[in-house]
């Protein structure tokens, strides 16, 4: 059994390693064997928690389209703020 909060934190921490413009699935933030060991039930809960966290707390990640298998895709973005008068 997994602690879902630990998995959520692990996924969020892993997003810091992504480059601007990279698109990814939640499963990409875990090693293949780690993801496969998480039961389907927990993966669904984790996906919901991750999406909620991204929408409310993470301005550098955005949810984009879903895949044909209904998995949510994400994209790493950066909010670039240029000072007034500069282009």
PDB file of N, CA and C in Angstrom:
ATOM      1  N   UNK A   1       0.843  -1.181   0.000  1.00  0.00           N
ATOM      2  CA  UNK A   1       0.000   0.000   0.000  1.00  0.00           C
ATOM      3  C   UNK A   1       0.890   1.246   0.000  1.00  0.00           C
ATOM      4  N   UNK A   2       0.479   2.238  -0.740  1.00  0.00           N
ATOM      5  CA  UNK A   2       1.268   3.452  -0.881  1.00  0.00           C
ATOM      6  C   UNK A   2       0.643   4.600  -0.112  1.00  0.00           C
ATOM      7  N   UNK A   3       1.497   5.513   0.350  1.00  0.00           N
ATOM      8  CA  UNK A   3       1.030   6.767   0.921  1.00  0.00           C
ATOM      9  C   UNK A   3       0.853   7.719  -0.247  1.00  0.00           C
ATOM     10  N   UNK A   4      -0.381   8.037  -0.561  1.00  0.00           N
ATOM     11  CA  UNK A   4      -0.686   8.834  -1.742  1.00  0.00           C
ATOM     12  C   UNK A   4      -0.052  10.223  -1.676  1.00  0.00           C
ATOM     13  N   UNK A   5       0.079  10.784  -0.481  1.00  0.00           N
ATOM     14  CA  UNK A   5       0.701  12.107  -0.337  1.00  0.00           C
ATOM     15  C   UNK A   5       2.198  12.058  -0.676  1.00  0.00           C
ATOM     16  N   UNK A   6       2.848  10.959  -0.343  1.00  0.00           N
ATOM     17  CA  UNK A   6       4.264  10.779  -0.681  1.00  0.00           C
ATOM     18  C   UNK A   6       4.420  10.684  -2.199  1.00  0.00           C
ATOM     19  N   UNK A   7       3.534   9.939  -2.849  1.00  0.00           N
ATOM     20  CA  UNK A   7       3.581   9.822  -4.309  1.00  0.00           C
ATOM     21  C   UNK A   7       3.314  11.169  -4.980  1.00  0.00           C
ATOM     22  N   UNK A   8       2.360  11.928  -4.438  1.00  0.00           N
ATOM     23  CA  UNK A   8       2.058  13.246  -4.988  1.00  0.00           C
ATOM     24  C   UNK A   8       3.268  14.162  -4.875  1.00  0.00           C
ATOM     25  N   UNK A   9       3.900  14.175  -3.715  1.00  0.00           N
ATOM     26  CA  UNK A   9       5.086  15.014  -3.513  1.00  0.00           C
ATOM     27  C   UNK A   9       6.206  14.585  -4.462  1.00  0.00           C
ATOM     28  N   UNK A  10       6.382  13.295  -4.638  1.00  0.00           N
ATOM     29  CA  UNK A  10       7.414  12.788  -5.543  1.00  0.00           C
ATOM     30  C   UNK A  10       7.157  13.284  -6.972  1.00  0.00           C
ATOM     31  N   UNK A  11       5.916  13.229  -7.413  1.00  0.00           N
ATOM     32  CA  UNK A  11       5.577  13.683  -8.760  1.00  0.00           C
ATOM     33  C   UNK A  11       5.814  15.186  -8.903  1.00  0.00           C
ATOM     34  N   UNK A  12       5.387  15.960  -7.916  1.00  0.00           N
ATOM     35  CA  UNK A  12       5.566  17.413  -7.960  1.00  0.00           C
ATOM     36  C   UNK A  12       7.045  17.768  -7.982  1.00  0.00           C
ATOM     37  N   UNK A  13       7.834  17.111  -7.143  1.00  0.00           N
ATOM     38  CA  UNK A  13       9.279  17.362  -7.118  1.00  0.00           C
ATOM     39  C   UNK A  13       9.920  17.040  -8.455  1.00  0.00           C
ATOM     40  N   UNK A  14       9.449  16.012  -9.103  1.00  0.00           N
ATOM     41  CA  UNK A  14      10.017  15.577 -10.378  1.00  0.00           C
ATOM     42  C   UNK A  14       9.760  16.603 -11.485  1.00  0.00           C
ATOM     43  N   UNK A  15       8.683  17.377 -11.385  1.00  0.00           N
ATOM     44  CA  UNK A  15       8.390  18.384 -12.413  1.00  0.00           C
ATOM     45  C   UNK A  15       9.455  19.466 -12.467  1.00  0.00           C
ATOM     46  N   UNK A  16      10.199  19.656 -11.383  1.00  0.00           N
ATOM     47  CA  UNK A  16      11.255  20.666 -11.365  1.00  0.00           C
ATOM     48  C   UNK A  16      12.397  20.308 -12.315  1.00  0.00           C
ATOM     49  N   UNK A  17      12.517  19.046 -12.680  1.00  0.00           N
ATOM     50  CA  UNK A  17      13.592  18.589 -13.562  1.00  0.00           C
ATOM     51  C   UNK A  17      13.252  18.732 -15.046  1.00  0.00           C
ATOM     52  N   UNK A  18      12.012  19.107 -15.338  1.00  0.00           N
ATOM     53  CA  UNK A  18      11.576  19.227 -16.724  1.00  0.00           C
ATOM     54  C   UNK A  18      12.023  20.549 -17.324  1.00  0.00           C
ATOM     55  N   UNK A  19      12.218  20.549 -18.622  1.00  0.00           N
ATOM     56  CA  UNK A  19      12.570  21.765 -19.348  1.00  0.00           C
ATOM     57  C   UNK A  19      11.314  22.478 -19.815  1.00  0.00           C
ATOM     58  N   UNK A  20      11.430  23.768 -20.028  1.00  0.00           N
ATOM     59  CA  UNK A  20      10.318  24.556 -20.539  1.00  0.00           C
ATOM     60  C   UNK A  20       9.857  23.974 -21.868  1.00  0.00           C
ATOM     61  N   UNK A  21       8.559  23.832 -22.028  1.00  0.00           N
ATOM     62  CA  UNK A  21       7.984  23.330 -23.269  1.00  0.00           C
ATOM     63  C   UNK A  21       7.790  21.826 -23.314  1.00  0.00           C
ATOM     64  N   UNK A  22       8.329  21.100 -22.352  1.00  0.00           N
ATOM     65  CA  UNK A  22       8.180  19.646 -22.353  1.00  0.00           C
ATOM     66  C   UNK A  22       6.760  19.251 -22.006  1.00  0.00           C
ATOM     67  N   UNK A  23       6.230  18.285 -22.756  1.00  0.00           N
ATOM     68  CA  UNK A  23       4.918  17.716 -22.483  1.00  0.00           C
ATOM     69  C   UNK A  23       5.127  16.355 -21.832  1.00  0.00           C
ATOM     70  N   UNK A  24       4.242  16.005 -20.910  1.00  0.00           N
ATOM     71  CA  UNK A  24       4.422  14.757 -20.184  1.00  0.00           C
ATOM     72  C   UNK A  24       3.102  14.242 -19.634  1.00  0.00           C
ATOM     73  N   UNK A  25       3.107  12.970 -19.291  1.00  0.00           N
ATOM     74  CA  UNK A  25       2.028  12.328 -18.560  1.00  0.00           C
ATOM     75  C   UNK A  25       2.482  12.156 -17.120  1.00  0.00           C
ATOM     76  N   UNK A  26       1.551  12.015 -16.216  1.00  0.00           N
ATOM     77  CA  UNK A  26       1.903  11.786 -14.816  1.00  0.00           C
ATOM     78  C   UNK A  26       2.811  10.567 -14.686  1.00  0.00           C
ATOM     79  N   UNK A  27       2.518   9.531 -15.425  1.00  0.00           N
ATOM     80  CA  UNK A  27       3.315   8.299 -15.339  1.00  0.00           C
ATOM     81  C   UNK A  27       4.774   8.531 -15.724  1.00  0.00           C
ATOM     82  N   UNK A  28       5.048   9.543 -16.549  1.00  0.00           N
ATOM     83  CA  UNK A  28       6.423   9.851 -16.964  1.00  0.00           C
ATOM     84  C   UNK A  28       7.273  10.357 -15.806  1.00  0.00           C
ATOM     85  N   UNK A  29       6.640  10.792 -14.732  1.00  0.00           N
ATOM     86  CA  UNK A  29       7.364  11.330 -13.585  1.00  0.00           C
ATOM     87  C   UNK A  29       7.865  10.233 -12.644  1.00  0.00           C
ATOM     88  N   UNK A  30       7.551   8.989 -12.971  1.00  0.00           N
ATOM     89  CA  UNK A  30       7.964   7.832 -12.164  1.00  0.00           C
ATOM     90  C   UNK A  30       8.756   6.876 -13.041  1.00  0.00           C
ATOM     91  N   UNK A  31       9.628   6.107 -12.435  1.00  0.00           N
ATOM     92  CA  UNK A  31      10.292   5.029 -13.152  1.00  0.00           C
ATOM     93  C   UNK A  31       9.226   4.015 -13.524  1.00  0.00           C
ATOM     94  N   UNK A  32       9.417   3.323 -14.643  1.00  0.00           N
ATOM     95  CA  UNK A  32       8.415   2.381 -15.134  1.00  0.00           C
ATOM     96  C   UNK A  32       7.968   1.364 -14.105  1.00  0.00           C
ATOM     97  N   UNK A  33       8.911   0.757 -13.405  1.00  0.00           N
ATOM     98  CA  UNK A  33       8.548  -0.264 -12.433  1.00  0.00           C
ATOM     99  C   UNK A  33       7.828   0.335 -11.233  1.00  0.00           C
ATOM    100  N   UNK A  34       8.165   1.590 -10.878  1.00  0.00           N
ATOM    101  CA  UNK A  34       7.470   2.233  -9.755  1.00  0.00           C
ATOM    102  C   UNK A  34       6.002   2.467 -10.116  1.00  0.00           C
ATOM    103  N   UNK A  35       5.774   3.008 -11.309  1.00  0.00           N
ATOM    104  CA  UNK A  35       4.405   3.277 -11.754  1.00  0.00           C
ATOM    105  C   UNK A  35       3.602   1.982 -11.833  1.00  0.00           C
ATOM    106  N   UNK A  36       4.212   0.939 -12.361  1.00  0.00           N
ATOM    107  CA  UNK A  36       3.509  -0.335 -12.522  1.00  0.00           C
ATOM    108  C   UNK A  36       3.159  -0.981 -11.186  1.00  0.00           C
ATOM    109  N   UNK A  37       3.873  -0.666 -10.141  1.00  0.00           N
ATOM    110  CA  UNK A  37       3.598  -1.228  -8.818  1.00  0.00           C
ATOM    111  C   UNK A  37       2.445  -0.531  -8.105  1.00  0.00           C
ATOM    112  N   UNK A  38       2.066   0.648  -8.584  1.00  0.00           N
ATOM    113  CA  UNK A  38       0.954   1.386  -7.988  1.00  0.00           C
ATOM    114  C   UNK A  38      -0.336   0.818  -8.571  1.00  0.00           C
ATOM    115  N   UNK A  39      -1.265   0.449  -7.704  1.00  0.00           N
ATOM    116  CA  UNK A  39      -2.512  -0.141  -8.188  1.00  0.00           C
ATOM    117  C   UNK A  39      -3.293   0.882  -9.005  1.00  0.00           C
ATOM    118  N   UNK A  40      -4.128   0.402  -9.875  1.00  0.00           N
ATOM    119  CA  UNK A  40      -4.925   1.269 -10.753  1.00  0.00           C
ATOM    120  C   UNK A  40      -5.736   2.258  -9.918  1.00  0.00           C
ATOM    121  N   UNK A  41      -6.306   1.785  -8.835  1.00  0.00           N
ATOM    122  CA  UNK A  41      -7.115   2.630  -7.953  1.00  0.00           C
ATOM    123  C   UNK A  41      -6.296   3.817  -7.443  1.00  0.00           C
ATOM    124  N   UNK A  42      -5.086   3.564  -6.991  1.00  0.00           N
ATOM    125  CA  UNK A  42      -4.237   4.631  -6.471  1.00  0.00           C
ATOM    126  C   UNK A  42      -3.733   5.552  -7.586  1.00  0.00           C
ATOM    127  N   UNK A  43      -3.513   4.999  -8.782  1.00  0.00           N
ATOM    128  CA  UNK A  43      -3.084   5.843  -9.899  1.00  0.00           C
ATOM    129  C   UNK A  43      -4.178   6.837 -10.279  1.00  0.00           C
ATOM    130  N   UNK A  44      -5.424   6.405 -10.226  1.00  0.00           N
ATOM    131  CA  UNK A  44      -6.539   7.295 -10.536  1.00  0.00           C
ATOM    132  C   UNK A  44      -6.647   8.400  -9.490  1.00  0.00           C
ATOM    133  N   UNK A  45      -6.545   8.037  -8.221  1.00  0.00           N
ATOM    134  CA  UNK A  45      -6.589   9.027  -7.144  1.00  0.00           C
ATOM    135  C   UNK A  45      -5.413   9.993  -7.274  1.00  0.00           C
ATOM    136  N   UNK A  46      -4.234   9.456  -7.526  1.00  0.00           N
ATOM    137  CA  UNK A  46      -3.039  10.284  -7.689  1.00  0.00           C
ATOM    138  C   UNK A  46      -3.208  11.256  -8.853  1.00  0.00           C
ATOM    139  N   UNK A  47      -3.773  10.791  -9.950  1.00  0.00           N
ATOM    140  CA  UNK A  47      -4.007  11.647 -11.100  1.00  0.00           C
ATOM    141  C   UNK A  47      -4.940  12.804 -10.775  1.00  0.00           C
ATOM    142  N   UNK A  48      -5.975  12.529 -10.033  1.00  0.00           N
ATOM    143  CA  UNK A  48      -6.917  13.569  -9.625  1.00  0.00           C
ATOM    144  C   UNK A  48      -6.254  14.583  -8.709  1.00  0.00           C
ATOM    145  N   UNK A  49      -5.496  14.099  -7.738  1.00  0.00           N
ATOM    146  CA  UNK A  49      -4.807  14.997  -6.809  1.00  0.00           C
ATOM    147  C   UNK A  49      -3.755  15.843  -7.523  1.00  0.00           C
ATOM    148  N   UNK A  50      -3.033  15.234  -8.455  1.00  0.00           N
ATOM    149  CA  UNK A  50      -2.007  15.961  -9.199  1.00  0.00           C
ATOM    150  C   UNK A  50      -2.637  17.064 -10.048  1.00  0.00           C
ATOM    151  N   UNK A  51      -3.710  16.750 -10.754  1.00  0.00           N
ATOM    152  CA  UNK A  51      -4.394  17.740 -11.580  1.00  0.00           C
ATOM    153  C   UNK A  51      -4.906  18.894 -10.721  1.00  0.00           C
ATOM    154  N   UNK A  52      -5.524  18.591  -9.585  1.00  0.00           N
ATOM    155  CA  UNK A  52      -6.016  19.631  -8.677  1.00  0.00           C
ATOM    156  C   UNK A  52      -4.874  20.499  -8.168  1.00  0.00           C
ATOM    157  N   UNK A  53      -3.762  19.870  -7.808  1.00  0.00           N
ATOM    158  CA  UNK A  53      -2.607  20.618  -7.307  1.00  0.00           C
ATOM    159  C   UNK A  53      -2.067  21.553  -8.392  1.00  0.00           C
ATOM    160  N   UNK A  54      -1.918  21.040  -9.594  1.00  0.00           N
ATOM    161  CA  UNK A  54      -1.383  21.830 -10.707  1.00  0.00           C
ATOM    162  C   UNK A  54      -2.274  23.039 -10.981  1.00  0.00           C
ATOM    163  N   UNK A  55      -3.566  22.818 -11.008  1.00  0.00           N
ATOM    164  CA  UNK A  55      -4.500  23.908 -11.308  1.00  0.00           C
ATOM    165  C   UNK A  55      -4.462  25.015 -10.253  1.00  0.00           C
ATOM    166  N   UNK A  56      -4.257  24.645  -8.997  1.00  0.00           N
ATOM    167  CA  UNK A  56      -4.340  25.626  -7.921  1.00  0.00           C
ATOM    168  C   UNK A  56      -2.998  26.161  -7.426  1.00  0.00           C
ATOM    169  N   UNK A  57      -1.927  25.426  -7.599  1.00  0.00           N
ATOM    170  CA  UNK A  57      -0.677  25.784  -6.931  1.00  0.00           C
ATOM    171  C   UNK A  57       0.567  25.833  -7.788  1.00  0.00           C
ATOM    172  N   UNK A  58       0.481  25.497  -9.044  1.00  0.00           N
ATOM    173  CA  UNK A  58       1.706  25.349  -9.827  1.00  0.00           C
ATOM    174  C   UNK A  58       1.596  26.117 -11.143  1.00  0.00           C
ATOM    175  N   UNK A  59       1.968  27.393 -11.137  1.00  0.00           N
ATOM    176  CA  UNK A  59       1.784  28.212 -12.345  1.00  0.00           C
ATOM    177  C   UNK A  59       2.706  27.860 -13.506  1.00  0.00           C
ATOM    178  N   UNK A  60       3.699  27.000 -13.304  1.00  0.00           N
ATOM    179  CA  UNK A  60       4.606  26.663 -14.402  1.00  0.00           C
ATOM    180  C   UNK A  60       4.230  25.362 -15.097  1.00  0.00           C
ATOM    181  N   UNK A  61       3.161  24.713 -14.664  1.00  0.00           N
ATOM    182  CA  UNK A  61       2.669  23.490 -15.302  1.00  0.00           C
ATOM    183  C   UNK A  61       1.215  23.727 -15.682  1.00  0.00           C
ATOM    184  N   UNK A  62       0.847  23.340 -16.899  1.00  0.00           N
ATOM    185  CA  UNK A  62      -0.553  23.466 -17.287  1.00  0.00           C
ATOM    186  C   UNK A  62      -1.062  22.151 -17.849  1.00  0.00           C
ATOM    187  N   UNK A  63      -2.334  21.879 -17.587  1.00  0.00           N
ATOM    188  CA  UNK A  63      -2.980  20.707 -18.158  1.00  0.00           C
ATOM    189  C   UNK A  63      -3.354  21.054 -19.591  1.00  0.00           C
ATOM    190  N   UNK A  64      -3.003  20.158 -20.508  1.00  0.00           N
ATOM    191  CA  UNK A  64      -3.367  20.368 -21.906  1.00  0.00           C
ATOM    192  C   UNK A  64      -4.324  19.252 -22.310  1.00  0.00           C
ATOM    193  N   UNK A  65      -4.329  18.840 -23.560  1.00  0.00           N
ATOM    194  CA  UNK A  65      -5.293  17.841 -24.027  1.00  0.00           C
ATOM    195  C   UNK A  65      -5.091  16.473 -23.378  1.00  0.00           C
ATOM    196  N   UNK A  66      -6.093  15.626 -23.545  1.00  0.00           N
ATOM    197  CA  UNK A  66      -5.985  14.240 -23.087  1.00  0.00           C
ATOM    198  C   UNK A  66      -5.582  13.360 -24.271  1.00  0.00           C
ATOM    199  N   UNK A  67      -4.949  12.241 -23.947  1.00  0.00           N
ATOM    200  CA  UNK A  67      -4.556  11.294 -24.991  1.00  0.00           C
ATOM    201  C   UNK A  67      -5.778  10.492 -25.427  1.00  0.00           C
ATOM    202  N   UNK A  68      -5.612   9.686 -26.445  1.00  0.00           N
ATOM    203  CA  UNK A  68      -6.715   8.834 -26.917  1.00  0.00           C
ATOM    204  C   UNK A  68      -7.137   7.824 -25.859  1.00  0.00           C
ATOM    205  N   UNK A  69      -6.239   7.522 -24.913  1.00  0.00           N
ATOM    206  CA  UNK A  69      -6.587   6.601 -23.830  1.00  0.00           C
ATOM    207  C   UNK A  69      -7.052   7.356 -22.580  1.00  0.00           C
ATOM    208  N   UNK A  70      -7.426   8.624 -22.771  1.00  0.00           N
ATOM    209  CA  UNK A  70      -8.014   9.469 -21.719  1.00  0.00           C
ATOM    210  C   UNK A  70      -7.041   9.834 -20.597  1.00  0.00           C
ATOM    211  N   UNK A  71      -5.739   9.803 -20.895  1.00  0.00           N
ATOM    212  CA  UNK A  71      -4.752  10.230 -19.906  1.00  0.00           C
ATOM    213  C   UNK A  71      -4.488  11.718 -20.090  1.00  0.00           C
ATOM    214  N   UNK A  72      -4.419  12.440 -18.975  1.00  0.00           N
ATOM    215  CA  UNK A  72      -4.207  13.881 -19.019  1.00  0.00           C
ATOM    216  C   UNK A  72      -2.761  14.197 -19.366  1.00  0.00           C
ATOM    217  N   UNK A  73      -2.584  15.044 -20.362  1.00  0.00           N
ATOM    218  CA  UNK A  73      -1.257  15.520 -20.729  1.00  0.00           C
ATOM    219  C   UNK A  73      -1.004  16.849 -20.022  1.00  0.00           C
ATOM    220  N   UNK A  74       0.258  17.102 -19.715  1.00  0.00           N
ATOM    221  CA  UNK A  74       0.674  18.341 -19.061  1.00  0.00           C
ATOM    222  C   UNK A  74       1.815  18.948 -19.864  1.00  0.00           C
ATOM    223  N   UNK A  75       2.024  20.250 -19.645  1.00  0.00           N
ATOM    224  CA  UNK A  75       3.119  20.940 -20.311  1.00  0.00           C
ATOM    225  C   UNK A  75       3.799  21.866 -19.316  1.00  0.00           C
ATOM    226  N   UNK A  76       5.129  21.823 -19.311  1.00  0.00           N
ATOM    227  CA  UNK A  76       5.914  22.717 -18.459  1.00  0.00           C
ATOM    228  C   UNK A  76       6.030  24.052 -19.176  1.00  0.00           C
ATOM    229  N   UNK A  77       5.591  25.105 -18.510  1.00  0.00           N
ATOM    230  CA  UNK A  77       5.696  26.457 -19.053  1.00  0.00           C
ATOM    231  C   UNK A  77       6.377  27.314 -18.008  1.00  0.00           C
ATOM    232  N   UNK A  78       6.800  28.460 -18.420  1.00  0.00           N
ATOM    233  CA  UNK A  78       7.356  29.415 -17.457  1.00  0.00           C
ATOM    234  C   UNK A  78       6.638  30.726 -17.668  1.00  0.00           C
ATOM    235  N   UNK A  79       6.285  31.334 -16.593  1.00  0.00           N
ATOM    236  CA  UNK A  79       5.691  32.659 -16.674  1.00  0.00           C
ATOM    237  C   UNK A  79       6.823  33.653 -16.788  1.00  0.00           C
ATOM    238  N   UNK A  80       6.959  34.226 -17.937  1.00  0.00           N
ATOM    239  CA  UNK A  80       8.031  35.184 -18.158  1.00  0.00           C
ATOM    240  C   UNK A  80       7.451  36.575 -18.045  1.00  0.00           C
ATOM    241  N   UNK A  81       7.973  37.327 -17.139  1.00  0.00           N
ATOM    242  CA  UNK A  81       7.486  38.699 -16.979  1.00  0.00           C
ATOM    243  C   UNK A  81       8.609  39.660 -17.316  1.00  0.00           C
ATOM    244  N   UNK A  82       8.413  40.388 -18.372  1.00  0.00           N
ATOM    245  CA  UNK A  82       9.397  41.389 -18.786  1.00  0.00           C
ATOM    246  C   UNK A  82       9.037  42.720 -18.125  1.00  0.00           C
ATOM    247  N   UNK A  83      10.030  43.471 -17.694  1.00  0.00           N
ATOM    248  CA  UNK A  83       9.741  44.782 -17.115  1.00  0.00           C
ATOM    249  C   UNK A  83       9.048  45.677 -18.150  1.00  0.00           C
ATOM    250  N   UNK A  84       8.253  46.594 -17.673  1.00  0.00           N
ATOM    251  CA  UNK A  84       7.559  47.516 -18.575  1.00  0.00           C
ATOM    252  C   UNK A  84       8.558  48.250 -19.441  1.00  0.00           C
ATOM    253  N   UNK A  85       8.221  48.409 -20.713  1.00  0.00           N
ATOM    254  CA  UNK A  85       9.088  49.140 -21.617  1.00  0.00           C
ATOM    255  C   UNK A  85      10.112  48.265 -22.331  1.00  0.00           C
ATOM    256  N   UNK A  86      10.268  47.023 -21.901  1.00  0.00           N
ATOM    257  CA  UNK A  86      11.218  46.115 -22.567  1.00  0.00           C
ATOM    258  C   UNK A  86      10.451  45.095 -23.372  1.00  0.00           C
ATOM    259  N   UNK A  87      11.024  44.727 -24.475  1.00  0.00           N
ATOM    260  CA  UNK A  87      10.387  43.732 -25.344  1.00  0.00           C
ATOM    261  C   UNK A  87      11.256  42.498 -25.386  1.00  0.00           C
TER     262      UNK A  87
END
